[in-house]
């Protein structure tokens, strides 16, 4: 397996992987990568995904082989951002007996359980993700073509009827409940059906993972909360951006709200660790975040002689 666990994240995952290796983990022995082609989504009821289903099957085999190579000890699944959603679906679709035998705990880093308002900017105007001197409209079509980006749109379960976008040109407001209208109005009608039938159903229900979970979330970083587009339309970008709490990419309501329901279940163990002033990508490289990750892994390992860690 390649050392970089997710090429999409450039050098940030290298920092986390290097930190784990310095702590004693060894690539190919008890540290494995499970990268995923984020252009594709996962299967939804009645809408299969050959790429997604094949990935989940390969991941299952990888976990099984790694556990077998480590005397049958269960694995820790570590997932960053969208990887948390994939990991949740992976666990929810696995038989309870398999989960109990092969997975010690799920550790998520900045998981967007309820989507992100920033994703509406990505679809409307394109998003350079902070890269300077790049026209966002030049990368917008590519970003729209990634089915996983549709999965990251704000979910009604978290954002409800709250106005997330206002278009002066259309004289219309958009919430998480009329995303299909939003997709039509921005000129991306091709995204309506995939969103309606494939990705929205995945966000409407967050099944219990069936294994203990630790969620690390960054807080206190300005995060897009609402957008106003002017008379020139969506192509010109927003004329006003309102910010709220979150990790700079994912809103606090999405990071925290959906999983709180799990804490009401006597069968579901849930731990949430807040990291003040740690951003969505900073969680992979900031010393304070890395120290917390190592602390959590050490505490998990106190209950097991050895475990296997994966990064998504």
C-alpha atoms as a PDB file:
ATOM      1  CA  UNK A   1       0.000   0.000   0.000  1.00  0.00           C
ATOM      2  CA  UNK A   2       1.288   3.538  -0.700  1.00  0.00           C
ATOM      3  CA  UNK A   3       2.398   5.553   2.281  1.00  0.00           C
ATOM      4  CA  UNK A   4       0.143   8.467   1.355  1.00  0.00           C
ATOM      5  CA  UNK A   5      -3.251   7.297   2.467  1.00  0.00           C
ATOM      6  CA  UNK A   6      -5.242   9.791   0.423  1.00  0.00           C
ATOM      7  CA  UNK A   7      -3.524  11.596  -2.425  1.00  0.00           C
ATOM      8  CA  UNK A   8      -6.285  14.175  -2.522  1.00  0.00           C
ATOM      9  CA  UNK A   9      -5.087  15.617   0.779  1.00  0.00           C
ATOM     10  CA  UNK A  10      -1.572  16.350  -0.604  1.00  0.00           C
ATOM     11  CA  UNK A  11       1.004  16.664   2.166  1.00  0.00           C
ATOM     12  CA  UNK A  12      -1.302  16.878   5.158  1.00  0.00           C
ATOM     13  CA  UNK A  13      -1.850  13.141   5.493  1.00  0.00           C
ATOM     14  CA  UNK A  14       1.936  12.683   5.321  1.00  0.00           C
ATOM     15  CA  UNK A  15       2.258  14.663   8.540  1.00  0.00           C
ATOM     16  CA  UNK A  16      -0.286  12.481  10.325  1.00  0.00           C
ATOM     17  CA  UNK A  17       1.222   9.273   8.926  1.00  0.00           C
ATOM     18  CA  UNK A  18       4.713  10.375   9.962  1.00  0.00           C
ATOM     19  CA  UNK A  19       3.452  11.173  13.459  1.00  0.00           C
ATOM     20  CA  UNK A  20       1.928   7.722  13.787  1.00  0.00           C
ATOM     21  CA  UNK A  21       5.111   6.075  12.539  1.00  0.00           C
ATOM     22  CA  UNK A  22       7.191   7.998  15.088  1.00  0.00           C
ATOM     23  CA  UNK A  23       4.802   6.696  17.742  1.00  0.00           C
ATOM     24  CA  UNK A  24       5.616   3.119  16.738  1.00  0.00           C
ATOM     25  CA  UNK A  25       3.157   2.245  13.985  1.00  0.00           C
ATOM     26  CA  UNK A  26       4.671   0.653  10.905  1.00  0.00           C
ATOM     27  CA  UNK A  27       3.324   0.844   7.378  1.00  0.00           C
ATOM     28  CA  UNK A  28       2.229  -2.546   6.121  1.00  0.00           C
ATOM     29  CA  UNK A  29       2.304  -4.084   9.586  1.00  0.00           C
ATOM     30  CA  UNK A  30      -0.208  -2.162  11.690  1.00  0.00           C
ATOM     31  CA  UNK A  31      -0.711   1.001   9.629  1.00  0.00           C
ATOM     32  CA  UNK A  32      -2.600   0.814   6.334  1.00  0.00           C
ATOM     33  CA  UNK A  33      -4.120   3.262   3.883  1.00  0.00           C
ATOM     34  CA  UNK A  34      -7.525   2.943   2.230  1.00  0.00           C
ATOM     35  CA  UNK A  35      -7.767   5.789  -0.335  1.00  0.00           C
ATOM     36  CA  UNK A  36     -10.987   6.253  -2.271  1.00  0.00           C
ATOM     37  CA  UNK A  37     -11.749   7.919  -5.608  1.00  0.00           C
ATOM     38  CA  UNK A  38     -13.986  10.716  -4.346  1.00  0.00           C
ATOM     39  CA  UNK A  39     -15.454  11.298  -7.818  1.00  0.00           C
ATOM     40  CA  UNK A  40     -17.787   8.393  -7.102  1.00  0.00           C
ATOM     41  CA  UNK A  41     -20.452   8.027  -4.444  1.00  0.00           C
ATOM     42  CA  UNK A  42     -21.755   5.001  -2.592  1.00  0.00           C
ATOM     43  CA  UNK A  43     -24.781   2.905  -3.344  1.00  0.00           C
ATOM     44  CA  UNK A  44     -28.153   4.151  -2.135  1.00  0.00           C
ATOM     45  CA  UNK A  45     -31.373   2.107  -1.938  1.00  0.00           C
ATOM     46  CA  UNK A  46     -32.302   1.120  -5.475  1.00  0.00           C
ATOM     47  CA  UNK A  47     -29.258   2.884  -6.938  1.00  0.00           C
ATOM     48  CA  UNK A  48     -26.162   0.666  -6.920  1.00  0.00           C
ATOM     49  CA  UNK A  49     -22.642   2.004  -7.267  1.00  0.00           C
ATOM     50  CA  UNK A  50     -20.185  -0.491  -8.716  1.00  0.00           C
ATOM     51  CA  UNK A  51     -17.166   1.605  -7.742  1.00  0.00           C
ATOM     52  CA  UNK A  52     -18.398   2.250  -4.216  1.00  0.00           C
ATOM     53  CA  UNK A  53     -19.481  -1.343  -3.600  1.00  0.00           C
ATOM     54  CA  UNK A  54     -16.156  -2.666  -4.883  1.00  0.00           C
ATOM     55  CA  UNK A  55     -14.309  -0.291  -2.556  1.00  0.00           C
ATOM     56  CA  UNK A  56     -16.243  -1.425   0.502  1.00  0.00           C
ATOM     57  CA  UNK A  57     -15.531  -5.050  -0.368  1.00  0.00           C
ATOM     58  CA  UNK A  58     -11.800  -4.366  -0.787  1.00  0.00           C
ATOM     59  CA  UNK A  59     -11.778  -2.492   2.504  1.00  0.00           C
ATOM     60  CA  UNK A  60     -13.440  -5.418   4.245  1.00  0.00           C
ATOM     61  CA  UNK A  61     -10.802  -7.790   2.891  1.00  0.00           C
ATOM     62  CA  UNK A  62      -8.011  -5.424   3.916  1.00  0.00           C
ATOM     63  CA  UNK A  63      -9.304  -5.186   7.479  1.00  0.00           C
ATOM     64  CA  UNK A  64      -9.693  -8.950   7.695  1.00  0.00           C
ATOM     65  CA  UNK A  65      -6.207  -9.660   6.365  1.00  0.00           C
ATOM     66  CA  UNK A  66      -4.604  -7.054   8.614  1.00  0.00           C
ATOM     67  CA  UNK A  67      -6.380  -8.379  11.687  1.00  0.00           C
ATOM     68  CA  UNK A  68      -5.331 -11.922  10.809  1.00  0.00           C
ATOM     69  CA  UNK A  69      -1.717 -10.795  10.404  1.00  0.00           C
ATOM     70  CA  UNK A  70      -1.871  -9.207  13.884  1.00  0.00           C
ATOM     71  CA  UNK A  71      -3.036 -12.295  15.787  1.00  0.00           C
ATOM     72  CA  UNK A  72      -6.705 -11.521  15.242  1.00  0.00           C
ATOM     73  CA  UNK A  73      -6.650  -8.236  17.142  1.00  0.00           C
ATOM     74  CA  UNK A  74      -9.291  -5.731  15.954  1.00  0.00           C
ATOM     75  CA  UNK A  75      -8.548  -2.543  14.039  1.00  0.00           C
ATOM     76  CA  UNK A  76      -9.004   1.134  14.731  1.00  0.00           C
ATOM     77  CA  UNK A  77     -10.562   2.872  11.743  1.00  0.00           C
ATOM     78  CA  UNK A  78      -9.388   6.479  11.429  1.00  0.00           C
ATOM     79  CA  UNK A  79     -11.257   8.633   8.937  1.00  0.00           C
ATOM     80  CA  UNK A  80     -10.835  12.287   7.958  1.00  0.00           C
ATOM     81  CA  UNK A  81     -13.615  14.492   6.571  1.00  0.00           C
ATOM     82  CA  UNK A  82     -15.694  12.685   3.937  1.00  0.00           C
ATOM     83  CA  UNK A  83     -13.913   9.500   4.962  1.00  0.00           C
ATOM     84  CA  UNK A  84     -16.034   9.554   8.109  1.00  0.00           C
ATOM     85  CA  UNK A  85     -19.184   9.189   6.025  1.00  0.00           C
ATOM     86  CA  UNK A  86     -17.675   6.310   4.051  1.00  0.00           C
ATOM     87  CA  UNK A  87     -16.517   4.619   7.248  1.00  0.00           C
ATOM     88  CA  UNK A  88     -19.970   4.978   8.788  1.00  0.00           C
ATOM     89  CA  UNK A  89     -21.627   3.395   5.769  1.00  0.00           C
ATOM     90  CA  UNK A  90     -19.007   0.644   5.759  1.00  0.00           C
ATOM     91  CA  UNK A  91     -19.699  -0.229   9.389  1.00  0.00           C
ATOM     92  CA  UNK A  92     -23.465   0.133   9.159  1.00  0.00           C
ATOM     93  CA  UNK A  93     -23.578  -2.324   6.266  1.00  0.00           C
ATOM     94  CA  UNK A  94     -21.372  -4.899   8.001  1.00  0.00           C
ATOM     95  CA  UNK A  95     -22.902  -7.720  10.095  1.00  0.00           C
ATOM     96  CA  UNK A  96     -22.754  -7.040  13.856  1.00  0.00           C
ATOM     97  CA  UNK A  97     -20.662 -10.148  14.478  1.00  0.00           C
ATOM     98  CA  UNK A  98     -18.112  -9.024  11.883  1.00  0.00           C
ATOM     99  CA  UNK A  99     -17.863  -5.549  13.427  1.00  0.00           C
ATOM    100  CA  UNK A 100     -17.375  -6.992  16.898  1.00  0.00           C
ATOM    101  CA  UNK A 101     -14.577  -9.245  15.712  1.00  0.00           C
ATOM    102  CA  UNK A 102     -12.698  -6.820  13.460  1.00  0.00           C
ATOM    103  CA  UNK A 103     -13.184  -3.193  14.593  1.00  0.00           C
ATOM    104  CA  UNK A 104     -12.148  -1.881  18.001  1.00  0.00           C
ATOM    105  CA  UNK A 105     -13.212   1.748  17.451  1.00  0.00           C
ATOM    106  CA  UNK A 106     -13.954   4.349  14.787  1.00  0.00           C
ATOM    107  CA  UNK A 107     -12.010   7.618  15.155  1.00  0.00           C
ATOM    108  CA  UNK A 108     -13.233  10.452  12.925  1.00  0.00           C
ATOM    109  CA  UNK A 109     -11.497  13.750  12.226  1.00  0.00           C
ATOM    110  CA  UNK A 110     -13.684  16.667  11.093  1.00  0.00           C
ATOM    111  CA  UNK A 111     -16.457  14.473   9.712  1.00  0.00           C
ATOM    112  CA  UNK A 112     -19.186  16.492   7.900  1.00  0.00           C
ATOM    113  CA  UNK A 113     -22.110  14.432   9.190  1.00  0.00           C
ATOM    114  CA  UNK A 114     -24.718  16.930   7.964  1.00  0.00           C
ATOM    115  CA  UNK A 115     -22.882  18.457   5.015  1.00  0.00           C
ATOM    116  CA  UNK A 116     -21.442  21.952   4.680  1.00  0.00           C
ATOM    117  CA  UNK A 117     -22.836  25.317   3.584  1.00  0.00           C
ATOM    118  CA  UNK A 118     -19.511  25.959   1.851  1.00  0.00           C
ATOM    119  CA  UNK A 119     -20.435  23.201  -0.592  1.00  0.00           C
ATOM    120  CA  UNK A 120     -23.193  25.411  -1.983  1.00  0.00           C
ATOM    121  CA  UNK A 121     -20.507  27.940  -2.922  1.00  0.00           C
ATOM    122  CA  UNK A 122     -18.570  25.154  -4.636  1.00  0.00           C
ATOM    123  CA  UNK A 123     -21.536  24.227  -6.810  1.00  0.00           C
ATOM    124  CA  UNK A 124     -22.669  27.779  -7.477  1.00  0.00           C
ATOM    125  CA  UNK A 125     -19.398  29.499  -8.337  1.00  0.00           C
ATOM    126  CA  UNK A 126     -16.542  27.050  -7.837  1.00  0.00           C
ATOM    127  CA  UNK A 127     -14.196  26.967  -4.874  1.00  0.00           C
ATOM    128  CA  UNK A 128     -10.418  27.368  -5.098  1.00  0.00           C
ATOM    129  CA  UNK A 129     -10.028  26.132  -1.503  1.00  0.00           C
ATOM    130  CA  UNK A 130      -7.692  29.005  -0.792  1.00  0.00           C
ATOM    131  CA  UNK A 131      -5.375  28.525  -3.770  1.00  0.00           C
ATOM    132  CA  UNK A 132      -4.414  32.033  -5.020  1.00  0.00           C
ATOM    133  CA  UNK A 133      -4.623  33.335  -8.591  1.00  0.00           C
ATOM    134  CA  UNK A 134      -7.079  30.644  -9.707  1.00  0.00           C
ATOM    135  CA  UNK A 135     -10.403  31.527 -11.329  1.00  0.00           C
ATOM    136  CA  UNK A 136     -12.972  29.382  -9.454  1.00  0.00           C
ATOM    137  CA  UNK A 137     -15.171  29.152 -12.550  1.00  0.00           C
ATOM    138  CA  UNK A 138     -12.404  27.203 -14.292  1.00  0.00           C
ATOM    139  CA  UNK A 139     -12.620  24.344 -11.802  1.00  0.00           C
ATOM    140  CA  UNK A 140     -16.345  24.487 -11.092  1.00  0.00           C
ATOM    141  CA  UNK A 141     -17.367  21.931 -13.722  1.00  0.00           C
ATOM    142  CA  UNK A 142     -14.837  19.439 -12.415  1.00  0.00           C
ATOM    143  CA  UNK A 143     -16.035  19.968  -8.859  1.00  0.00           C
ATOM    144  CA  UNK A 144     -19.642  19.519  -9.933  1.00  0.00           C
ATOM    145  CA  UNK A 145     -18.766  16.237 -11.638  1.00  0.00           C
ATOM    146  CA  UNK A 146     -17.696  14.597  -8.368  1.00  0.00           C
ATOM    147  CA  UNK A 147     -20.661  12.697  -6.973  1.00  0.00           C
ATOM    148  CA  UNK A 148     -19.191  12.809  -3.479  1.00  0.00           C
ATOM    149  CA  UNK A 149     -19.482  16.607  -3.537  1.00  0.00           C
ATOM    150  CA  UNK A 150     -23.252  16.205  -3.865  1.00  0.00           C
ATOM    151  CA  UNK A 151     -23.111  14.098  -0.712  1.00  0.00           C
ATOM    152  CA  UNK A 152     -21.576  17.066   1.123  1.00  0.00           C
ATOM    153  CA  UNK A 153     -24.432  19.487   0.450  1.00  0.00           C
ATOM    154  CA  UNK A 154     -26.259  20.594   3.640  1.00  0.00           C
ATOM    155  CA  UNK A 155     -28.821  18.079   4.842  1.00  0.00           C
ATOM    156  CA  UNK A 156     -32.365  19.043   5.901  1.00  0.00           C
ATOM    157  CA  UNK A 157     -31.926  16.985   9.055  1.00  0.00           C
ATOM    158  CA  UNK A 158     -29.282  19.434  10.294  1.00  0.00           C
ATOM    159  CA  UNK A 159     -30.046  22.756   8.619  1.00  0.00           C
ATOM    160  CA  UNK A 160     -33.831  22.495   8.209  1.00  0.00           C
ATOM    161  CA  UNK A 161     -35.523  25.587   6.731  1.00  0.00           C
ATOM    162  CA  UNK A 162     -32.702  27.988   7.610  1.00  0.00           C
ATOM    163  CA  UNK A 163     -31.850  30.269   4.682  1.00  0.00           C
ATOM    164  CA  UNK A 164     -28.392  29.321   3.459  1.00  0.00           C
ATOM    165  CA  UNK A 165     -28.335  31.137   0.116  1.00  0.00           C
ATOM    166  CA  UNK A 166     -30.169  34.164  -1.241  1.00  0.00           C
ATOM    167  CA  UNK A 167     -30.112  35.110  -4.930  1.00  0.00           C
ATOM    168  CA  UNK A 168     -31.019  38.700  -5.728  1.00  0.00           C
ATOM    169  CA  UNK A 169     -31.194  37.831  -9.414  1.00  0.00           C
ATOM    170  CA  UNK A 170     -33.777  35.104  -8.833  1.00  0.00           C
ATOM    171  CA  UNK A 171     -35.323  36.814  -5.790  1.00  0.00           C
ATOM    172  CA  UNK A 172     -35.274  33.428  -4.109  1.00  0.00           C
ATOM    173  CA  UNK A 173     -33.939  31.906  -0.898  1.00  0.00           C
ATOM    174  CA  UNK A 174     -32.526  28.410  -0.653  1.00  0.00           C
ATOM    175  CA  UNK A 175     -32.399  26.123   2.350  1.00  0.00           C
ATOM    176  CA  UNK A 176     -31.331  22.512   2.722  1.00  0.00           C
ATOM    177  CA  UNK A 177     -34.919  21.592   1.883  1.00  0.00           C
ATOM    178  CA  UNK A 178     -34.927  23.030  -1.642  1.00  0.00           C
ATOM    179  CA  UNK A 179     -31.470  22.060  -2.852  1.00  0.00           C
ATOM    180  CA  UNK A 180     -32.965  20.639  -6.049  1.00  0.00           C
ATOM    181  CA  UNK A 181     -34.283  24.117  -6.914  1.00  0.00           C
ATOM    182  CA  UNK A 182     -30.846  25.530  -6.109  1.00  0.00           C
ATOM    183  CA  UNK A 183     -29.140  23.054  -8.446  1.00  0.00           C
ATOM    184  CA  UNK A 184     -31.537  23.966 -11.248  1.00  0.00           C
ATOM    185  CA  UNK A 185     -31.083  27.704 -10.735  1.00  0.00           C
ATOM    186  CA  UNK A 186     -27.280  27.559 -10.774  1.00  0.00           C
ATOM    187  CA  UNK A 187     -27.449  25.786 -14.140  1.00  0.00           C
ATOM    188  CA  UNK A 188     -26.623  22.291 -12.922  1.00  0.00           C
ATOM    189  CA  UNK A 189     -29.819  20.418 -13.734  1.00  0.00           C
ATOM    190  CA  UNK A 190     -27.757  17.271 -14.376  1.00  0.00           C
ATOM    191  CA  UNK A 191     -27.047  17.107 -10.657  1.00  0.00           C
ATOM    192  CA  UNK A 192     -30.682  17.030  -9.560  1.00  0.00           C
ATOM    193  CA  UNK A 193     -31.396  13.361 -10.171  1.00  0.00           C
ATOM    194  CA  UNK A 194     -28.131  12.034  -8.690  1.00  0.00           C
ATOM    195  CA  UNK A 195     -28.669  14.245  -5.656  1.00  0.00           C
ATOM    196  CA  UNK A 196     -32.313  13.275  -5.214  1.00  0.00           C
ATOM    197  CA  UNK A 197     -31.905   9.538  -5.684  1.00  0.00           C
ATOM    198  CA  UNK A 198     -28.353   8.756  -4.610  1.00  0.00           C
ATOM    199  CA  UNK A 199     -26.774  11.210  -2.193  1.00  0.00           C
ATOM    200  CA  UNK A 200     -29.654  12.820  -0.293  1.00  0.00           C
ATOM    201  CA  UNK A 201     -30.905   9.438   1.014  1.00  0.00           C
ATOM    202  CA  UNK A 202     -27.440   8.774   2.456  1.00  0.00           C
ATOM    203  CA  UNK A 203     -27.615  11.985   4.492  1.00  0.00           C
ATOM    204  CA  UNK A 204     -31.182  11.615   5.698  1.00  0.00           C
ATOM    205  CA  UNK A 205     -30.340   8.800   8.089  1.00  0.00           C
ATOM    206  CA  UNK A 206     -27.123   8.380  10.047  1.00  0.00           C
ATOM    207  CA  UNK A 207     -27.192   4.771  11.233  1.00  0.00           C
ATOM    208  CA  UNK A 208     -25.377   3.864  14.412  1.00  0.00           C
ATOM    209  CA  UNK A 209     -21.959   2.472  13.477  1.00  0.00           C
ATOM    210  CA  UNK A 210     -22.258  -0.350  15.991  1.00  0.00           C
ATOM    211  CA  UNK A 211     -18.734   0.161  17.353  1.00  0.00           C
ATOM    212  CA  UNK A 212     -17.399   2.730  19.857  1.00  0.00           C
ATOM    213  CA  UNK A 213     -16.764   6.111  18.209  1.00  0.00           C
ATOM    214  CA  UNK A 214     -14.473   9.034  18.990  1.00  0.00           C
ATOM    215  CA  UNK A 215     -15.141  12.218  17.000  1.00  0.00           C
ATOM    216  CA  UNK A 216     -12.495  14.953  16.935  1.00  0.00           C
ATOM    217  CA  UNK A 217     -13.863  18.299  15.759  1.00  0.00           C
ATOM    218  CA  UNK A 218     -12.307  21.705  15.274  1.00  0.00           C
ATOM    219  CA  UNK A 219     -14.257  24.678  16.616  1.00  0.00           C
ATOM    220  CA  UNK A 220     -13.976  28.442  16.763  1.00  0.00           C
ATOM    221  CA  UNK A 221     -12.880  28.937  13.158  1.00  0.00           C
ATOM    222  CA  UNK A 222     -14.881  31.230  10.862  1.00  0.00           C
ATOM    223  CA  UNK A 223     -17.035  29.004   8.649  1.00  0.00           C
ATOM    224  CA  UNK A 224     -19.411  29.958   5.832  1.00  0.00           C
ATOM    225  CA  UNK A 225     -22.928  30.102   7.251  1.00  0.00           C
ATOM    226  CA  UNK A 226     -24.876  31.885   4.509  1.00  0.00           C
ATOM    227  CA  UNK A 227     -24.274  33.394   1.060  1.00  0.00           C
ATOM    228  CA  UNK A 228     -25.843  36.242  -0.868  1.00  0.00           C
ATOM    229  CA  UNK A 229     -25.495  36.387  -4.657  1.00  0.00           C
ATOM    230  CA  UNK A 230     -26.168  39.647  -6.479  1.00  0.00           C
ATOM    231  CA  UNK A 231     -27.913  40.678  -9.677  1.00  0.00           C
ATOM    232  CA  UNK A 232     -25.024  39.334 -11.780  1.00  0.00           C
ATOM    233  CA  UNK A 233     -25.938  35.804 -10.762  1.00  0.00           C
ATOM    234  CA  UNK A 234     -24.113  32.813  -9.390  1.00  0.00           C
ATOM    235  CA  UNK A 235     -21.210  32.902 -11.858  1.00  0.00           C
ATOM    236  CA  UNK A 236     -19.957  36.172 -10.379  1.00  0.00           C
ATOM    237  CA  UNK A 237     -19.616  34.736  -6.893  1.00  0.00           C
ATOM    238  CA  UNK A 238     -21.267  35.931  -3.686  1.00  0.00           C
ATOM    239  CA  UNK A 239     -21.559  39.629  -2.851  1.00  0.00           C
ATOM    240  CA  UNK A 240     -21.879  38.837   0.840  1.00  0.00           C
ATOM    241  CA  UNK A 241     -20.712  35.965   3.031  1.00  0.00           C
ATOM    242  CA  UNK A 242     -21.844  35.493   6.622  1.00  0.00           C
ATOM    243  CA  UNK A 243     -19.637  33.376   8.869  1.00  0.00           C
ATOM    244  CA  UNK A 244     -20.405  31.290  11.930  1.00  0.00           C
ATOM    245  CA  UNK A 245     -18.741  28.636  14.084  1.00  0.00           C
ATOM    246  CA  UNK A 246     -17.088  25.492  12.762  1.00  0.00           C
ATOM    247  CA  UNK A 247     -13.706  24.305  11.515  1.00  0.00           C
ATOM    248  CA  UNK A 248     -13.462  26.673   8.559  1.00  0.00           C
ATOM    249  CA  UNK A 249     -15.029  24.147   6.183  1.00  0.00           C
ATOM    250  CA  UNK A 250     -17.749  22.287   8.092  1.00  0.00           C
ATOM    251  CA  UNK A 251     -20.325  24.078  10.238  1.00  0.00           C
ATOM    252  CA  UNK A 252     -20.463  23.282  13.949  1.00  0.00           C
ATOM    253  CA  UNK A 253     -24.061  22.064  13.606  1.00  0.00           C
ATOM    254  CA  UNK A 254     -22.890  19.477  11.085  1.00  0.00           C
ATOM    255  CA  UNK A 255     -19.839  18.432  13.080  1.00  0.00           C
ATOM    256  CA  UNK A 256     -21.770  17.920  16.315  1.00  0.00           C
ATOM    257  CA  UNK A 257     -25.530  17.782  15.884  1.00  0.00           C
ATOM    258  CA  UNK A 258     -26.215  14.558  13.991  1.00  0.00           C
ATOM    259  CA  UNK A 259     -24.115  12.310  16.187  1.00  0.00           C
ATOM    260  CA  UNK A 260     -25.619  13.507  19.470  1.00  0.00           C
ATOM    261  CA  UNK A 261     -28.542  11.185  18.860  1.00  0.00           C
ATOM    262  CA  UNK A 262     -26.126   8.254  19.139  1.00  0.00           C
ATOM    263  CA  UNK A 263     -25.371   9.187  22.733  1.00  0.00           C
ATOM    264  CA  UNK A 264     -28.998   8.417  23.638  1.00  0.00           C
ATOM    265  CA  UNK A 265     -28.529   4.791  22.604  1.00  0.00           C
ATOM    266  CA  UNK A 266     -27.389   2.487  25.409  1.00  0.00           C
ATOM    267  CA  UNK A 267     -25.675   0.301  22.837  1.00  0.00           C
ATOM    268  CA  UNK A 268     -23.615   3.071  21.209  1.00  0.00           C
ATOM    269  CA  UNK A 269     -20.465   4.446  22.861  1.00  0.00           C
ATOM    270  CA  UNK A 270     -19.671   8.011  21.737  1.00  0.00           C
ATOM    271  CA  UNK A 271     -16.860  10.386  22.674  1.00  0.00           C
ATOM    272  CA  UNK A 272     -16.584  13.913  21.210  1.00  0.00           C
ATOM    273  CA  UNK A 273     -13.312  15.823  21.532  1.00  0.00           C
ATOM    274  CA  UNK A 274     -13.369  19.533  20.689  1.00  0.00           C
ATOM    275  CA  UNK A 275     -10.188  21.160  19.376  1.00  0.00           C
ATOM    276  CA  UNK A 276     -10.475  24.956  19.726  1.00  0.00           C
ATOM    277  CA  UNK A 277      -9.098  26.985  16.810  1.00  0.00           C
ATOM    278  CA  UNK A 278      -8.169  23.864  14.832  1.00  0.00           C
ATOM    279  CA  UNK A 279      -9.232  23.982  11.184  1.00  0.00           C
ATOM    280  CA  UNK A 280     -10.576  21.267   8.909  1.00  0.00           C
ATOM    281  CA  UNK A 281      -7.156  20.554   7.412  1.00  0.00           C
ATOM    282  CA  UNK A 282      -5.205  21.700  10.460  1.00  0.00           C
ATOM    283  CA  UNK A 283      -6.491  18.680  12.346  1.00  0.00           C
ATOM    284  CA  UNK A 284      -4.062  16.644  10.233  1.00  0.00           C
ATOM    285  CA  UNK A 285      -0.970  18.684  11.030  1.00  0.00           C
ATOM    286  CA  UNK A 286      -1.385  20.984  14.068  1.00  0.00           C
ATOM    287  CA  UNK A 287       0.638  19.764  17.036  1.00  0.00           C
ATOM    288  CA  UNK A 288      -2.262  20.145  19.466  1.00  0.00           C
ATOM    289  CA  UNK A 289      -4.475  17.992  17.238  1.00  0.00           C
ATOM    290  CA  UNK A 290      -1.786  15.376  16.614  1.00  0.00           C
ATOM    291  CA  UNK A 291      -1.103  15.131  20.356  1.00  0.00           C
ATOM    292  CA  UNK A 292      -4.814  14.515  20.964  1.00  0.00           C
ATOM    293  CA  UNK A 293      -4.933  11.842  18.265  1.00  0.00           C
ATOM    294  CA  UNK A 294      -1.981  10.013  19.825  1.00  0.00           C
ATOM    295  CA  UNK A 295      -3.541  10.316  23.286  1.00  0.00           C
ATOM    296  CA  UNK A 296      -6.764   8.782  22.028  1.00  0.00           C
ATOM    297  CA  UNK A 297      -4.970   5.926  20.282  1.00  0.00           C
ATOM    298  CA  UNK A 298      -2.953   5.241  23.418  1.00  0.00           C
ATOM    299  CA  UNK A 299      -6.093   5.134  25.544  1.00  0.00           C
ATOM    300  CA  UNK A 300      -7.732   2.724  23.117  1.00  0.00           C
ATOM    301  CA  UNK A 301      -4.656   0.529  23.135  1.00  0.00           C
ATOM    302  CA  UNK A 302      -4.747   0.259  26.917  1.00  0.00           C
ATOM    303  CA  UNK A 303      -7.627  -2.158  26.377  1.00  0.00           C
ATOM    304  CA  UNK A 304      -5.854  -4.129  23.684  1.00  0.00           C
ATOM    305  CA  UNK A 305      -2.268  -5.329  23.327  1.00  0.00           C
ATOM    306  CA  UNK A 306      -2.117  -4.055  19.765  1.00  0.00           C
ATOM    307  CA  UNK A 307      -4.468  -2.590  17.201  1.00  0.00           C
ATOM    308  CA  UNK A 308      -4.397  -1.741  13.523  1.00  0.00           C
ATOM    309  CA  UNK A 309      -5.055   1.828  12.399  1.00  0.00           C
ATOM    310  CA  UNK A 310      -6.478   2.883   9.032  1.00  0.00           C
ATOM    311  CA  UNK A 311      -6.750   6.355   7.554  1.00  0.00           C
ATOM    312  CA  UNK A 312      -9.361   7.310   4.938  1.00  0.00           C
END
